[in-house]
């Protein structure tokens, strides 16, 4: 096993050629697999981008008795990350369940109507010597990340992807697979681990904003939210139990870094997103579709696009969701656009959390330190030290006040 040329990169000793050969043999059910040459391991993501996993990339070249011709597979290897931020295994176990059971069932449903979910192929999982998930690496086959989507045309493949995911989950839960027991691992354990990070950053947000001269009058309202955070977050992630409950399986971590896109460059030099793939299924849970939809509006598209096309995006999502339900054979109660709007209103507190927590993280330069540095104030360019983030907060707070989100 050759390591990457980056002098700071040291791959784990157990991720060696012998182990990769074992993975390919198990995935192909072929004990005769042999490697053509040693594999080279690369970092799978930039520093600070993954809180729950460590990612590695490699290409395995191999032959077997079934085929003497050299073959190659591009792999993404996802290992558990042990840190002071996240200590339990529930996120990793949720993702394993998704790749082993739920996603293949969704793909089979959608295949019958001629569409694909677009997710990485799953090859292998193991608990020993460490927690590991091995997936197809989509980057070499022309899939790319986009930090934010600026154009309405380019958000449409994203809308289609999440609408398919939600519709397939609705049908599976009705017909063949119980999905209601898939709960958010963070909320399930009283905001422990990563959820405690969210709570800490939410309190930092309130303390900082309350100290601004022009928002001193809001200080009392904001400070009451500190004690409400855990309760209100649990309410958001608690599925509705009424007879006509509008619940789906949420991706749960539906932001720009968990999407990959097939992109076409047009004659005028602009980029057009043709397809969108979903990755990272550690926070999947049964609950309101408003959760993923608010993630889309707040953490995938540009804020100007959100403000100018919010109603259109919500309507496009609902139309697509209903369209896929009908094509998949659903004939029962179908949520209306009014039902969806009620869900979005009921979950409006999550929009404040996105600004207070997720935007704070987005505007911090995590390459300069660790999550622990961020939380203890040792990171130089963290959150409120960023002028763009402060301007964003000043713009959004009056709207939250007007809509009653701070009550």
Protein backbone atom coordinates (compact mmCIF):
# COMPACT_ATOMS: atom_id res chain seq x y z
CA UNK A 1 0.00 0.00 0.00
CA UNK A 2 1.45 3.32 -1.07
CA UNK A 3 0.45 6.46 0.80
CA UNK A 4 -0.38 9.82 -0.68
CA UNK A 5 2.54 12.14 -1.34
CA UNK A 6 1.22 14.69 1.21
CA UNK A 7 3.71 14.49 4.06
CA UNK A 8 0.94 15.06 6.61
CA UNK A 9 -1.14 12.15 5.33
CA UNK A 10 -0.57 8.81 7.06
CA UNK A 11 -3.09 6.09 6.14
CA UNK A 12 -4.02 3.57 8.83
CA UNK A 13 -1.83 0.47 8.76
CA UNK A 14 -4.80 -1.89 8.56
CA UNK A 15 -6.02 -0.33 5.28
CA UNK A 16 -3.44 -2.25 3.29
CA UNK A 17 -3.33 -4.21 0.02
CA UNK A 18 -4.27 -7.45 1.74
CA UNK A 19 -7.40 -5.87 3.24
CA UNK A 20 -8.40 -4.28 -0.07
CA UNK A 21 -8.03 -7.64 -1.79
CA UNK A 22 -10.34 -9.11 0.87
CA UNK A 23 -12.90 -6.34 0.19
CA UNK A 24 -12.94 -6.95 -3.59
CA UNK A 25 -13.16 -10.72 -3.10
CA UNK A 26 -16.10 -10.34 -0.71
CA UNK A 27 -17.90 -7.78 -2.91
CA UNK A 28 -17.59 -9.94 -6.02
CA UNK A 29 -17.96 -13.28 -4.18
CA UNK A 30 -14.78 -14.41 -5.90
CA UNK A 31 -11.93 -15.84 -3.77
CA UNK A 32 -9.60 -15.95 -6.79
CA UNK A 33 -9.17 -12.13 -6.93
CA UNK A 34 -5.58 -10.93 -7.02
CA UNK A 35 -4.26 -7.37 -7.15
CA UNK A 36 -2.31 -6.29 -10.21
CA UNK A 37 -0.17 -3.89 -8.18
CA UNK A 38 -0.09 -2.05 -4.87
CA UNK A 39 -2.84 0.49 -4.22
CA UNK A 40 -2.32 4.14 -3.40
CA UNK A 41 -4.48 5.69 -0.71
CA UNK A 42 -5.48 9.37 -0.83
CA UNK A 43 -7.43 11.59 1.58
CA UNK A 44 -11.12 11.50 0.68
CA UNK A 45 -11.97 15.02 1.83
CA UNK A 46 -10.39 18.28 2.89
CA UNK A 47 -9.57 18.90 6.57
CA UNK A 48 -12.55 19.89 8.69
CA UNK A 49 -15.24 18.76 6.23
CA UNK A 50 -16.29 15.53 7.97
CA UNK A 51 -17.30 15.42 11.62
CA UNK A 52 -18.34 11.76 11.89
CA UNK A 53 -16.07 9.91 9.44
CA UNK A 54 -12.62 9.80 7.93
CA UNK A 55 -12.65 9.29 4.15
CA UNK A 56 -10.03 7.68 1.92
CA UNK A 57 -9.91 7.15 -1.83
CA UNK A 58 -8.16 4.52 -3.87
CA UNK A 59 -8.35 2.67 -7.19
CA UNK A 60 -7.96 -1.10 -7.02
CA UNK A 61 -6.63 -2.89 -10.13
CA UNK A 62 -7.27 -6.63 -10.05
CA UNK A 63 -7.68 -9.89 -11.96
CA UNK A 64 -9.38 -13.16 -11.11
CA UNK A 65 -9.85 -16.67 -12.42
CA UNK A 66 -13.20 -15.55 -13.84
CA UNK A 67 -11.58 -12.81 -15.90
CA UNK A 68 -7.86 -12.63 -16.61
CA UNK A 69 -8.26 -9.13 -18.05
CA UNK A 70 -7.23 -6.35 -15.67
CA UNK A 71 -10.18 -4.54 -14.07
CA UNK A 72 -10.33 -1.42 -11.93
CA UNK A 73 -12.73 -0.15 -9.26
CA UNK A 74 -12.66 3.34 -7.76
CA UNK A 75 -13.44 3.11 -4.06
CA UNK A 76 -14.36 5.51 -1.27
CA UNK A 77 -13.52 4.05 2.13
CA UNK A 78 -15.39 5.57 5.05
CA UNK A 79 -14.09 4.84 8.55
CA UNK A 80 -15.48 5.80 11.92
CA UNK A 81 -14.07 8.95 13.47
CA UNK A 82 -13.49 9.05 17.21
CA UNK A 83 -13.45 12.54 18.71
CA UNK A 84 -14.68 14.56 21.66
CA UNK A 85 -17.54 15.80 19.43
CA UNK A 86 -19.00 12.42 18.55
CA UNK A 87 -18.51 9.24 20.57
CA UNK A 88 -21.34 6.80 19.86
CA UNK A 89 -21.75 4.52 16.84
CA UNK A 90 -25.40 5.23 16.06
CA UNK A 91 -24.69 7.42 13.01
CA UNK A 92 -22.45 4.78 11.47
CA UNK A 93 -24.98 2.02 12.18
CA UNK A 94 -27.76 4.09 10.55
CA UNK A 95 -25.73 4.48 7.37
CA UNK A 96 -24.90 0.77 7.23
CA UNK A 97 -28.64 -0.03 7.49
CA UNK A 98 -29.39 2.47 4.73
CA UNK A 99 -26.84 0.99 2.32
CA UNK A 100 -27.61 -2.65 3.12
CA UNK A 101 -31.41 -2.54 3.25
CA UNK A 102 -33.21 0.72 2.51
CA UNK A 103 -31.42 2.20 -0.51
CA UNK A 104 -31.47 -1.07 -2.51
CA UNK A 105 -35.23 -1.35 -1.85
CA UNK A 106 -35.74 2.26 -3.00
CA UNK A 107 -33.69 1.62 -6.15
CA UNK A 108 -35.78 -1.43 -7.00
CA UNK A 109 -39.00 0.55 -6.63
CA UNK A 110 -37.78 3.43 -8.78
CA UNK A 111 -36.26 1.11 -11.38
CA UNK A 112 -39.78 -0.16 -12.11
CA UNK A 113 -40.81 3.32 -13.26
CA UNK A 114 -37.61 3.96 -15.19
CA UNK A 115 -35.77 6.35 -12.87
CA UNK A 116 -32.73 6.06 -10.62
CA UNK A 117 -32.05 7.37 -7.14
CA UNK A 118 -28.39 8.12 -7.98
CA UNK A 119 -26.40 6.93 -4.97
CA UNK A 120 -22.92 5.34 -4.78
CA UNK A 121 -22.80 1.56 -5.16
CA UNK A 122 -22.29 -0.21 -1.86
CA UNK A 123 -19.53 -2.84 -1.79
CA UNK A 124 -18.61 -3.83 1.74
CA UNK A 125 -18.93 -3.09 5.44
CA UNK A 126 -17.01 -4.33 8.46
CA UNK A 127 -16.69 -3.72 12.20
CA UNK A 128 -13.17 -5.15 12.49
CA UNK A 129 -10.51 -4.00 12.85
CA UNK A 130 -12.47 -0.72 12.66
CA UNK A 131 -15.89 0.45 11.50
CA UNK A 132 -15.74 0.68 7.70
CA UNK A 133 -18.09 1.28 4.77
CA UNK A 134 -16.74 0.82 1.24
CA UNK A 135 -18.56 2.59 -1.59
CA UNK A 136 -18.09 3.44 -5.23
CA UNK A 137 -16.12 6.68 -5.61
CA UNK A 138 -18.25 8.77 -7.98
CA UNK A 139 -15.68 11.52 -8.60
CA UNK A 140 -13.62 9.68 -11.28
CA UNK A 141 -16.80 9.05 -13.31
CA UNK A 142 -17.60 12.73 -13.65
CA UNK A 143 -19.56 13.70 -10.55
CA UNK A 144 -18.66 17.00 -8.87
CA UNK A 145 -19.44 19.03 -5.77
CA UNK A 146 -20.97 22.51 -5.91
CA UNK A 147 -20.71 24.75 -2.87
CA UNK A 148 -23.95 26.60 -3.62
CA UNK A 149 -26.44 26.57 -6.46
CA UNK A 150 -27.02 30.01 -7.93
CA UNK A 151 -29.53 29.33 -10.74
CA UNK A 152 -33.09 28.03 -10.51
CA UNK A 153 -32.52 25.64 -13.46
CA UNK A 154 -29.70 23.96 -11.54
CA UNK A 155 -31.73 23.36 -8.41
CA UNK A 156 -34.34 21.33 -10.29
CA UNK A 157 -32.28 18.07 -10.39
CA UNK A 158 -31.80 18.46 -6.63
CA UNK A 159 -35.56 18.83 -6.16
CA UNK A 160 -36.14 15.72 -8.27
CA UNK A 161 -33.61 13.69 -6.25
CA UNK A 162 -35.08 14.45 -2.83
CA UNK A 163 -38.67 14.11 -4.10
CA UNK A 164 -37.84 10.61 -5.41
CA UNK A 165 -36.18 9.69 -2.13
CA UNK A 166 -39.18 10.85 -0.10
CA UNK A 167 -41.77 9.27 -2.40
CA UNK A 168 -39.96 5.91 -2.47
CA UNK A 169 -39.76 5.94 1.34
CA UNK A 170 -43.51 6.63 1.60
CA UNK A 171 -44.31 3.65 -0.63
CA UNK A 172 -41.82 1.33 1.11
CA UNK A 173 -43.26 2.16 4.51
CA UNK A 174 -46.79 1.50 3.25
CA UNK A 175 -46.02 -1.77 1.52
CA UNK A 176 -42.92 -3.73 2.46
CA UNK A 177 -40.51 -2.10 4.92
CA UNK A 178 -41.06 -0.46 8.29
CA UNK A 179 -39.21 2.87 8.21
CA UNK A 180 -40.92 4.65 11.10
CA UNK A 181 -38.38 3.22 13.55
CA UNK A 182 -35.47 4.99 11.83
CA UNK A 183 -34.92 7.93 14.17
CA UNK A 184 -32.39 10.73 14.19
CA UNK A 185 -29.40 9.35 16.17
CA UNK A 186 -28.59 12.77 17.61
CA UNK A 187 -32.09 13.57 18.87
CA UNK A 188 -32.59 10.03 20.14
CA UNK A 189 -29.88 10.48 22.75
CA UNK A 190 -30.91 13.83 24.23
CA UNK A 191 -28.76 16.03 21.99
CA UNK A 192 -25.59 14.19 22.94
CA UNK A 193 -22.37 14.18 20.91
CA UNK A 194 -22.85 16.18 17.73
CA UNK A 195 -26.13 17.57 19.04
CA UNK A 196 -24.26 19.08 21.96
CA UNK A 197 -22.09 20.87 19.41
CA UNK A 198 -25.26 22.38 17.90
CA UNK A 199 -26.47 23.47 21.33
CA UNK A 200 -23.11 25.08 22.14
CA UNK A 201 -23.04 27.01 18.87
CA UNK A 202 -26.68 28.07 19.27
CA UNK A 203 -25.87 29.53 22.70
CA UNK A 204 -22.78 31.27 21.28
CA UNK A 205 -24.99 32.79 18.60
CA UNK A 206 -27.45 34.14 21.18
CA UNK A 207 -24.71 35.54 23.42
CA UNK A 208 -23.04 37.28 20.48
CA UNK A 209 -26.19 38.76 18.93
CA UNK A 210 -27.53 39.88 22.32
CA UNK A 211 -24.38 41.97 22.79
CA UNK A 212 -24.95 43.98 19.58
CA UNK A 213 -26.18 47.47 20.34
CA UNK A 214 -28.95 47.46 17.72
CA UNK A 215 -30.32 44.12 18.97
CA UNK A 216 -30.25 44.70 22.71
CA UNK A 217 -34.06 44.88 22.71
CA UNK A 218 -34.15 41.35 21.31
CA UNK A 219 -31.75 40.06 23.94
CA UNK A 220 -34.46 38.87 26.32
CA UNK A 221 -36.31 36.99 23.56
CA UNK A 222 -33.11 35.40 22.34
CA UNK A 223 -31.93 34.36 25.79
CA UNK A 224 -35.21 32.53 26.49
CA UNK A 225 -34.43 30.34 23.47
CA UNK A 226 -31.36 28.91 25.20
CA UNK A 227 -33.46 26.84 27.59
CA UNK A 228 -35.86 25.89 24.80
CA UNK A 229 -33.30 24.55 22.33
CA UNK A 230 -33.39 20.86 23.27
CA UNK A 231 -37.19 20.79 23.60
CA UNK A 232 -37.85 22.58 20.31
CA UNK A 233 -35.33 20.48 18.40
CA UNK A 234 -36.95 17.31 19.69
CA UNK A 235 -40.33 18.65 18.55
CA UNK A 236 -38.94 19.27 15.07
CA UNK A 237 -37.55 15.75 14.76
CA UNK A 238 -40.57 14.01 16.31
CA UNK A 239 -42.77 12.48 13.56
CA UNK A 240 -46.42 13.44 13.48
CA UNK A 241 -48.71 10.74 14.86
CA UNK A 242 -52.08 11.90 13.49
CA UNK A 243 -54.01 9.66 11.10
CA UNK A 244 -53.05 11.78 8.09
CA UNK A 245 -49.44 12.27 9.16
CA UNK A 246 -47.17 13.83 6.53
CA UNK A 247 -43.98 11.89 7.28
CA UNK A 248 -41.23 10.59 5.00
CA UNK A 249 -37.72 9.23 5.42
CA UNK A 250 -35.53 12.33 5.53
CA UNK A 251 -31.97 12.35 4.30
CA UNK A 252 -31.39 14.42 7.44
CA UNK A 253 -28.05 15.97 6.43
CA UNK A 254 -29.20 17.44 3.16
CA UNK A 255 -26.66 20.14 2.39
CA UNK A 256 -24.36 21.05 -0.49
CA UNK A 257 -21.44 18.84 0.59
CA UNK A 258 -23.66 15.76 0.59
CA UNK A 259 -24.63 16.19 -3.05
CA UNK A 260 -22.71 15.34 -6.22
CA UNK A 261 -23.69 16.57 -9.66
CA UNK A 262 -23.21 15.61 -13.30
CA UNK A 263 -22.48 18.94 -14.96
CA UNK A 264 -22.60 20.02 -18.60
CA UNK A 265 -20.71 23.10 -19.82
CA UNK A 266 -22.88 25.05 -22.27
CA UNK A 267 -21.68 26.94 -25.36
CA UNK A 268 -21.87 30.22 -23.43
CA UNK A 269 -19.54 28.85 -20.75
CA UNK A 270 -22.23 28.45 -18.10
CA UNK A 271 -22.65 25.18 -16.23
CA UNK A 272 -25.87 23.19 -16.26
CA UNK A 273 -26.57 20.49 -13.66
CA UNK A 274 -27.94 17.42 -15.44
CA UNK A 275 -28.24 14.96 -12.53
CA UNK A 276 -27.80 15.03 -8.76
CA UNK A 277 -26.64 12.16 -6.55
CA UNK A 278 -27.21 11.82 -2.80
CA UNK A 279 -24.39 10.74 -0.49
CA UNK A 280 -23.88 10.35 3.28
CA UNK A 281 -26.89 8.69 4.93
CA UNK A 282 -25.86 8.81 8.59
CA UNK A 283 -28.67 11.09 9.78
CA UNK A 284 -31.61 9.54 7.94
CA UNK A 285 -34.79 9.54 10.02
CA UNK A 286 -38.57 9.31 9.74
CA UNK A 287 -40.28 12.69 10.08
CA UNK A 288 -41.62 15.77 8.33
CA UNK A 289 -40.39 16.49 4.76
CA UNK A 290 -40.04 20.11 5.92
CA UNK A 291 -36.69 19.13 7.45
CA UNK A 292 -35.02 18.22 4.14
CA UNK A 293 -36.82 20.98 2.27
CA UNK A 294 -35.56 23.64 4.70
CA UNK A 295 -32.07 22.24 4.33
CA UNK A 296 -32.43 22.66 0.56
CA UNK A 297 -33.59 26.27 0.91
CA UNK A 298 -31.00 27.25 3.52
CA UNK A 299 -27.92 25.13 2.87
CA UNK A 300 -27.88 24.14 -0.81
CA UNK A 301 -28.99 27.16 -2.82
CA UNK A 302 -27.74 30.75 -2.82
CA UNK A 303 -29.62 33.03 -0.43
CA UNK A 304 -30.69 35.43 -3.20
CA UNK A 305 -32.15 32.48 -5.11
CA UNK A 306 -33.96 31.35 -1.96
CA UNK A 307 -35.58 34.74 -1.45
CA UNK A 308 -36.57 35.17 -5.11
CA UNK A 309 -37.78 31.61 -5.86
CA UNK A 310 -38.73 30.12 -2.48
CA UNK A 311 -42.43 29.64 -3.35
CA UNK A 312 -41.59 28.18 -6.77
CA UNK A 313 -39.08 25.70 -5.28
CA UNK A 314 -41.58 24.53 -2.66
CA UNK A 315 -44.27 24.06 -5.33
CA UNK A 316 -41.86 22.21 -7.66
CA UNK A 317 -40.92 19.86 -4.83
CA UNK A 318 -44.54 19.11 -3.96
CA UNK A 319 -45.51 18.56 -7.60
CA UNK A 320 -42.58 16.16 -8.05
CA UNK A 321 -43.31 14.29 -4.81
CA UNK A 322 -46.95 13.74 -5.80
CA UNK A 323 -45.90 12.79 -9.35
CA UNK A 324 -43.58 10.04 -8.10
CA UNK A 325 -46.15 8.78 -5.59
CA UNK A 326 -48.68 8.36 -8.39
CA UNK A 327 -46.19 6.63 -10.71
CA UNK A 328 -45.23 4.26 -7.88
CA UNK A 329 -48.84 3.21 -7.51
CA UNK A 330 -49.99 5.19 -4.47
CA UNK A 331 -53.77 5.55 -4.35
CA UNK A 332 -54.45 6.68 -0.77
CA UNK A 333 -54.39 10.05 0.95
CA UNK A 334 -51.92 12.41 -0.67
CA UNK A 335 -50.62 15.52 1.15
CA UNK A 336 -51.63 18.80 -0.48
CA UNK A 337 -49.45 21.85 -1.04
CA UNK A 338 -51.29 23.43 1.89
CA UNK A 339 -50.24 20.47 4.07
CA UNK A 340 -46.61 21.01 3.06
CA UNK A 341 -46.78 24.75 3.79
CA UNK A 342 -48.20 23.95 7.24
CA UNK A 343 -45.25 21.62 7.86
CA UNK A 344 -42.77 24.30 6.85
CA UNK A 345 -44.43 26.80 9.18
CA UNK A 346 -44.46 24.27 12.03
CA UNK A 347 -40.72 23.69 11.59
CA UNK A 348 -39.67 27.33 11.20
CA UNK A 349 -37.43 27.13 14.28
CA UNK A 350 -35.12 24.93 12.19
CA UNK A 351 -34.52 27.92 9.89
CA UNK A 352 -33.17 29.86 12.88
CA UNK A 353 -30.96 26.90 13.78
CA UNK A 354 -29.60 26.86 10.23
CA UNK A 355 -28.54 30.49 10.55
CA UNK A 356 -27.30 30.20 14.13
CA UNK A 357 -25.43 26.89 13.80
CA UNK A 358 -24.90 25.73 10.23
CA UNK A 359 -24.08 29.12 8.74
CA UNK A 360 -21.74 29.74 11.65
CA UNK A 361 -19.91 26.51 10.77
CA UNK A 362 -19.96 27.31 7.05
CA UNK A 363 -18.27 30.68 7.61
CA UNK A 364 -15.58 29.26 9.89
CA UNK A 365 -12.27 28.24 8.32
CA UNK A 366 -12.09 24.70 9.71
CA UNK A 367 -8.85 23.95 7.84
CA UNK A 368 -7.04 26.04 10.48
CA UNK A 369 -8.04 23.85 13.41
CA UNK A 370 -10.20 21.10 14.87
CA UNK A 371 -13.80 21.00 16.08
CA UNK A 372 -12.45 21.29 19.63
CA UNK A 373 -10.59 24.48 18.63
CA UNK A 374 -13.83 25.83 17.16
CA UNK A 375 -15.85 25.15 20.29
CA UNK A 376 -13.29 26.59 22.70
CA UNK A 377 -12.69 29.77 20.72
CA UNK A 378 -9.17 28.90 19.62
CA UNK A 379 -10.03 29.04 15.92
CA UNK A 380 -9.05 32.41 14.47
CA UNK A 381 -11.69 32.73 11.73
CA UNK A 382 -14.66 31.12 13.47
CA UNK A 383 -18.26 32.16 13.07
CA UNK A 384 -18.74 35.70 14.33
CA UNK A 385 -15.20 36.69 13.41
CA UNK A 386 -16.42 36.54 9.81
CA UNK A 387 -17.94 39.83 8.54
CA UNK A 388 -20.10 38.05 5.94
CA UNK A 389 -21.67 35.91 8.61
CA UNK A 390 -22.44 38.91 10.83
CA UNK A 391 -24.09 40.69 7.86
CA UNK A 392 -26.19 37.60 7.11
CA UNK A 393 -27.43 37.43 10.71
CA UNK A 394 -28.33 41.14 10.74
CA UNK A 395 -30.37 40.65 7.56
CA UNK A 396 -32.28 37.55 8.75
CA UNK A 397 -33.11 38.41 12.35
CA UNK A 398 -35.83 41.00 11.56
CA UNK A 399 -37.58 38.41 9.36
CA UNK A 400 -37.48 35.81 12.15
CA UNK A 401 -38.94 38.39 14.53
CA UNK A 402 -41.73 39.30 12.09
CA UNK A 403 -42.69 35.64 11.56
CA UNK A 404 -42.77 34.84 15.28
CA UNK A 405 -39.88 32.37 15.13
CA UNK A 406 -38.27 34.01 18.20
CA UNK A 407 -41.37 33.52 20.37
